[in-house]
Amino acid sequence: QVQLVESGGGLVQAGGSLRLSCAASGRTGGSHGMGWFRQAPGKEREFVAAISWSGRGTYYADSVKGRFTISRDNAKNTVYLQMNSLKREDTAVYYCAAKGAYDDGAYYPEYEYDYWGQGTQVTVSS
């Protein structure tokens, strides 16, 4: 089992920045890839960004490319999501997820992820 805890959410003005963190604990010895997803009120959960174990493979939703950056520190078992130039439409609960046996060159849909955090709220005001 892998436990994931997100932090760093909050209220920010449009154009501002936030950095989300996701700390993993438990059986973190595998080559887990990590992803960030988000769910806005009344909408389906959607993919935001993902990163492979090595960090060589990263993927972004078109809506966040150029504004968000995913990174990881395996020594700290932590994944980050740096969010810049935030927009009102970025308002959502952001979830961290982990997937075992993650290939550098692959993209995995939401249902492939094995473990999920509880989420952290990000609210962008105008």
Foldseek 3Di string as FASTA:
>chain_A
DKAKAKDWADEEAAQAKIKMKIAIDDPPPFFKKKFKWWDDPPGDIGGAKIATSVRLAIDGDPVQPPFWDWDDDVVRRMIMIIGGNDDQVVWTWMKMFIAGPDDRPDDDDPVRTDDIYPTDTHGYHD
